[in-house]
Amino acid sequence: MDFILDLVVHRIGVYVLGLVSGGRFKGESGFAWGRAVAVGGLILLSPFAAFITWLIYTSGP
């Protein structure tokens, strides 16, 4: 299961970094793989972080 999640996060990161770099980013080497996973993880988790922040913001007095 971890491999599938890692692959999905990597593909999201490669897609986003490919858009930013004009299609030159491939994400195949070790450092590029890690960079793509980091960017993909941030993008995948950002809606959850925004939702939790919204819940905290609206629960105040």
N, C-alpha and C. Protein backbone atom coordinates (compact mmCIF):
# COMPACT_ATOMS: atom_id res chain seq x y z
N MET A 1 0.83 -1.20 0.00
CA MET A 1 0.00 0.00 0.00
C MET A 1 0.87 1.25 0.00
N ASP A 2 1.98 1.20 0.71
CA ASP A 2 2.87 2.36 0.76
C ASP A 2 3.47 2.65 -0.61
N PHE A 3 3.77 1.61 -1.38
CA PHE A 3 4.33 1.81 -2.71
C PHE A 3 3.34 2.52 -3.62
N ILE A 4 2.06 2.17 -3.51
CA ILE A 4 1.04 2.80 -4.35
C ILE A 4 0.90 4.28 -4.01
N LEU A 5 0.88 4.59 -2.71
CA LEU A 5 0.78 5.99 -2.28
C LEU A 5 2.02 6.77 -2.73
N ASP A 6 3.19 6.16 -2.60
CA ASP A 6 4.42 6.81 -3.03
C ASP A 6 4.41 7.08 -4.53
N LEU A 7 3.92 6.14 -5.29
CA LEU A 7 3.85 6.31 -6.75
C LEU A 7 2.86 7.41 -7.14
N VAL A 8 1.71 7.46 -6.47
CA VAL A 8 0.71 8.49 -6.77
C VAL A 8 1.26 9.88 -6.43
N VAL A 9 1.89 10.00 -5.27
CA VAL A 9 2.47 11.28 -4.85
C VAL A 9 3.57 11.69 -5.81
N HIS A 10 4.39 10.74 -6.25
CA HIS A 10 5.46 11.04 -7.20
C HIS A 10 4.90 11.54 -8.52
N ARG A 11 3.86 10.88 -9.02
CA ARG A 11 3.27 11.30 -10.31
C ARG A 11 2.67 12.70 -10.22
N ILE A 12 2.03 13.02 -9.09
CA ILE A 12 1.49 14.37 -8.90
C ILE A 12 2.62 15.39 -8.88
N GLY A 13 3.69 15.08 -8.17
CA GLY A 13 4.84 15.99 -8.10
C GLY A 13 5.51 16.18 -9.45
N VAL A 14 5.68 15.11 -10.21
CA VAL A 14 6.29 15.22 -11.54
C VAL A 14 5.41 16.07 -12.45
N TYR A 15 4.11 15.89 -12.36
CA TYR A 15 3.19 16.67 -13.20
C TYR A 15 3.30 18.15 -12.88
N VAL A 16 3.26 18.49 -11.59
CA VAL A 16 3.31 19.91 -11.19
C VAL A 16 4.67 20.52 -11.53
N LEU A 17 5.74 19.82 -11.21
CA LEU A 17 7.07 20.36 -11.52
C LEU A 17 7.32 20.42 -13.02
N GLY A 18 6.71 19.51 -13.77
CA GLY A 18 6.78 19.58 -15.23
C GLY A 18 6.08 20.80 -15.77
N LEU A 19 4.94 21.15 -15.17
CA LEU A 19 4.24 22.37 -15.58
C LEU A 19 5.06 23.61 -15.29
N VAL A 20 5.68 23.64 -14.11
CA VAL A 20 6.47 24.80 -13.70
C VAL A 20 7.72 24.95 -14.56
N SER A 21 8.36 23.83 -14.92
CA SER A 21 9.62 23.88 -15.67
C SER A 21 9.42 23.85 -17.18
N GLY A 22 8.20 23.88 -17.63
CA GLY A 22 7.96 23.86 -19.07
C GLY A 22 8.13 22.49 -19.70
N GLY A 23 7.97 21.43 -18.91
CA GLY A 23 8.06 20.07 -19.43
C GLY A 23 9.43 19.45 -19.37
N ARG A 24 10.42 20.15 -18.82
CA ARG A 24 11.78 19.60 -18.76
C ARG A 24 11.99 18.67 -17.59
N PHE A 25 11.19 18.78 -16.53
CA PHE A 25 11.38 17.97 -15.34
C PHE A 25 10.83 16.57 -15.57
N LYS A 26 11.66 15.55 -15.34
CA LYS A 26 11.24 14.16 -15.55
C LYS A 26 11.12 13.40 -14.24
N GLY A 27 11.90 13.75 -13.20
CA GLY A 27 11.81 13.11 -11.90
C GLY A 27 12.32 11.69 -11.85
N GLU A 28 13.33 11.38 -12.63
CA GLU A 28 13.80 10.00 -12.72
C GLU A 28 15.00 9.71 -11.83
N SER A 29 15.89 10.67 -11.56
CA SER A 29 17.06 10.41 -10.73
C SER A 29 16.67 10.45 -9.25
N GLY A 30 17.60 10.09 -8.38
CA GLY A 30 17.32 10.01 -6.95
C GLY A 30 16.89 11.33 -6.34
N PHE A 31 17.64 12.39 -6.60
CA PHE A 31 17.30 13.69 -6.02
C PHE A 31 16.00 14.22 -6.61
N ALA A 32 15.80 14.05 -7.90
CA ALA A 32 14.58 14.52 -8.54
C ALA A 32 13.37 13.71 -8.06
N TRP A 33 13.57 12.42 -7.80
CA TRP A 33 12.48 11.59 -7.27
C TRP A 33 12.03 12.15 -5.93
N GLY A 34 12.98 12.44 -5.06
CA GLY A 34 12.66 12.98 -3.74
C GLY A 34 11.98 14.34 -3.82
N ARG A 35 12.45 15.17 -4.72
CA ARG A 35 11.83 16.48 -4.89
C ARG A 35 10.39 16.34 -5.38
N ALA A 36 10.16 15.44 -6.31
CA ALA A 36 8.81 15.22 -6.82
C ALA A 36 7.89 14.67 -5.73
N VAL A 37 8.40 13.77 -4.89
CA VAL A 37 7.60 13.22 -3.80
C VAL A 37 7.28 14.30 -2.77
N ALA A 38 8.24 15.17 -2.48
CA ALA A 38 7.99 16.24 -1.51
C ALA A 38 6.92 17.21 -2.03
N VAL A 39 7.02 17.61 -3.28
CA VAL A 39 6.05 18.54 -3.85
C VAL A 39 4.67 17.87 -3.97
N GLY A 40 4.65 16.64 -4.41
CA GLY A 40 3.38 15.92 -4.53
C GLY A 40 2.71 15.70 -3.18
N GLY A 41 3.51 15.42 -2.15
CA GLY A 41 2.96 15.25 -0.81
C GLY A 41 2.36 16.54 -0.28
N LEU A 42 3.05 17.64 -0.51
CA LEU A 42 2.51 18.93 -0.07
C LEU A 42 1.20 19.26 -0.77
N ILE A 43 1.14 18.98 -2.05
CA ILE A 43 -0.08 19.27 -2.81
C ILE A 43 -1.21 18.34 -2.38
N LEU A 44 -0.89 17.08 -2.12
CA LEU A 44 -1.91 16.13 -1.72
C LEU A 44 -2.45 16.43 -0.32
N LEU A 45 -1.63 16.93 0.58
CA LEU A 45 -2.06 17.19 1.95
C LEU A 45 -2.60 18.60 2.18
N SER A 46 -2.41 19.51 1.24
CA SER A 46 -2.84 20.89 1.45
C SER A 46 -4.34 21.06 1.65
N PRO A 47 -5.23 20.33 0.97
CA PRO A 47 -6.65 20.49 1.26
C PRO A 47 -7.03 20.09 2.69
N PHE A 48 -6.38 19.05 3.22
CA PHE A 48 -6.65 18.63 4.59
C PHE A 48 -6.17 19.68 5.59
N ALA A 49 -5.01 20.25 5.34
CA ALA A 49 -4.50 21.30 6.22
C ALA A 49 -5.40 22.53 6.17
N ALA A 50 -5.89 22.89 5.00
CA ALA A 50 -6.79 24.03 4.88
C ALA A 50 -8.11 23.76 5.61
N PHE A 51 -8.62 22.54 5.52
CA PHE A 51 -9.86 22.19 6.21
C PHE A 51 -9.70 22.26 7.72
N ILE A 52 -8.59 21.73 8.24
CA ILE A 52 -8.34 21.78 9.68
C ILE A 52 -8.18 23.22 10.14
N THR A 53 -7.48 24.04 9.35
CA THR A 53 -7.33 25.44 9.69
C THR A 53 -8.68 26.15 9.69
N TRP A 54 -9.52 25.85 8.73
CA TRP A 54 -10.86 26.44 8.68
C TRP A 54 -11.68 26.02 9.90
N LEU A 55 -11.60 24.75 10.31
CA LEU A 55 -12.32 24.30 11.49
C LEU A 55 -11.87 25.03 12.75
N ILE A 56 -10.58 25.20 12.89
CA ILE A 56 -10.05 25.93 14.05
C ILE A 56 -10.49 27.37 14.02
N TYR A 57 -10.46 27.98 12.86
CA TYR A 57 -10.83 29.39 12.72
C TYR A 57 -12.32 29.63 13.04
N THR A 58 -13.18 28.72 12.58
CA THR A 58 -14.61 28.92 12.79
C THR A 58 -15.09 28.47 14.16
N SER A 59 -14.30 27.73 14.92
CA SER A 59 -14.75 27.26 16.22
C SER A 59 -14.46 28.26 17.33
N GLY A 60 -13.78 29.36 17.01
CA GLY A 60 -13.47 30.38 18.01
C GLY A 60 -14.69 31.18 18.40
N PRO A 61 -14.56 32.01 19.46
CA PRO A 61 -15.70 32.82 19.92
C PRO A 61 -16.11 33.91 18.98
